[in-house]
Protein backbone atom coordinates (compact mmCIF):
# COMPACT_ATOMS: atom_id res chain seq x y z
CA MET A 1 24.78 -11.83 6.28
CA ALA A 2 23.69 -12.29 2.67
CA LYS A 3 21.98 -15.52 1.72
CA ALA A 4 21.74 -16.88 -1.80
CA ILE A 5 18.37 -18.10 -3.04
CA SER A 6 17.03 -19.34 -6.33
CA VAL A 7 13.81 -18.21 -7.92
CA ARG A 8 11.76 -19.21 -10.96
CA LEU A 9 10.41 -16.26 -12.90
CA ASP A 10 7.40 -16.29 -15.19
CA ASP A 11 7.48 -14.36 -18.45
CA GLU A 12 6.09 -11.17 -16.90
CA ALA A 13 8.60 -11.17 -14.04
CA LEU A 14 11.46 -11.96 -16.42
CA LYS A 15 10.46 -9.06 -18.65
CA ALA A 16 10.40 -6.73 -15.63
CA LEU A 17 13.81 -7.98 -14.52
CA LYS A 18 15.23 -7.34 -17.99
CA GLN A 19 13.86 -3.77 -17.88
CA LEU A 20 15.55 -3.15 -14.54
CA GLU A 21 18.80 -4.65 -15.80
CA ALA A 22 18.60 -2.42 -18.88
CA ALA A 23 18.31 0.56 -16.52
CA GLY A 24 21.60 -0.45 -14.93
CA MET A 25 20.56 -2.56 -11.95
CA SER A 26 22.17 -5.89 -11.26
CA ARG A 27 19.89 -8.90 -10.97
CA SER A 28 20.55 -9.11 -7.25
CA ASP A 29 19.86 -5.41 -6.71
CA ALA A 30 16.67 -5.56 -8.80
CA ILE A 31 15.28 -8.56 -6.93
CA ARG A 32 16.32 -7.21 -3.54
CA SER A 33 14.73 -3.84 -4.34
CA ALA A 34 11.49 -5.47 -5.52
CA LEU A 35 11.24 -7.57 -2.35
CA LEU A 36 11.79 -4.56 -0.11
CA ALA A 37 9.25 -2.49 -2.06
CA ALA A 38 6.63 -5.26 -1.88
CA ALA A 39 7.18 -5.68 1.86
CA GLY A 40 6.88 -1.91 2.31
CA ARG A 41 3.57 -1.81 0.42
CA LEU A 42 2.26 -4.71 2.52
CA ARG A 43 3.29 -2.94 5.73
CA GLN A 44 1.55 0.27 4.57
CA ARG A 45 -1.68 -1.63 3.77
CA GLN A 46 -1.58 -3.29 7.18
CA GLU A 47 -0.99 0.04 8.94
CA LEU A 48 -3.82 1.66 6.97
CA ALA A 49 -6.17 -1.23 7.79
CA ALA A 50 -5.31 -0.88 11.48
CA GLU A 51 -5.96 2.86 11.34
CA VAL A 52 -9.32 2.32 9.62
CA ALA A 53 -10.29 -0.27 12.23
CA ALA A 54 -9.37 2.12 15.04
CA LEU A 55 -11.43 4.91 13.47
CA GLU A 56 -14.41 2.61 12.95
CA ALA A 57 -14.23 1.59 16.61
CA ASP A 58 -14.21 5.23 17.79
CA GLU A 59 -17.89 5.93 18.50
CA GLN A 60 -17.25 9.60 19.28
CA ASP A 61 -15.53 10.10 15.92
CA ARG A 62 -18.32 8.25 14.10
CA GLN A 63 -20.96 10.45 15.76
CA GLU A 64 -19.02 13.59 14.86
CA MET A 65 -18.78 12.39 11.26
CA LEU A 66 -22.54 11.80 11.15
CA ASP A 67 -23.18 15.24 12.66
CA VAL A 68 -21.00 16.94 10.05
CA ALA A 69 -22.65 14.96 7.25
CA GLY A 70 -26.10 15.99 8.54
CA PHE A 71 -25.03 19.62 8.74
CA MET A 72 -23.65 19.55 5.22
CA GLU A 73 -26.87 17.95 3.95
CA ALA A 74 -28.92 20.66 5.66
CA LEU A 75 -26.82 23.33 3.96
CA ARG A 76 -27.28 21.68 0.58
CA ALA A 77 -31.03 21.35 1.06
CA ALA A 78 -31.35 25.01 2.12
CA GLY A 79 -29.45 26.30 -0.91
């Protein structure tokens, strides 16, 4: 079910809304799209942060990374 809300826009947000309206979007569609996009970006950041935390907690992966870095450094020093 759709729910009506009201929102106060600052000058920057109003300018962005006008650009979207000029491109053919309705106000409702523009605001709805922006909310969904912002929520999607937040979800992606949270998923990435969780993945980074899992990798940092993986001691075997960290050791392998250090081993590869040491090997690469040895190759650079030899050349």
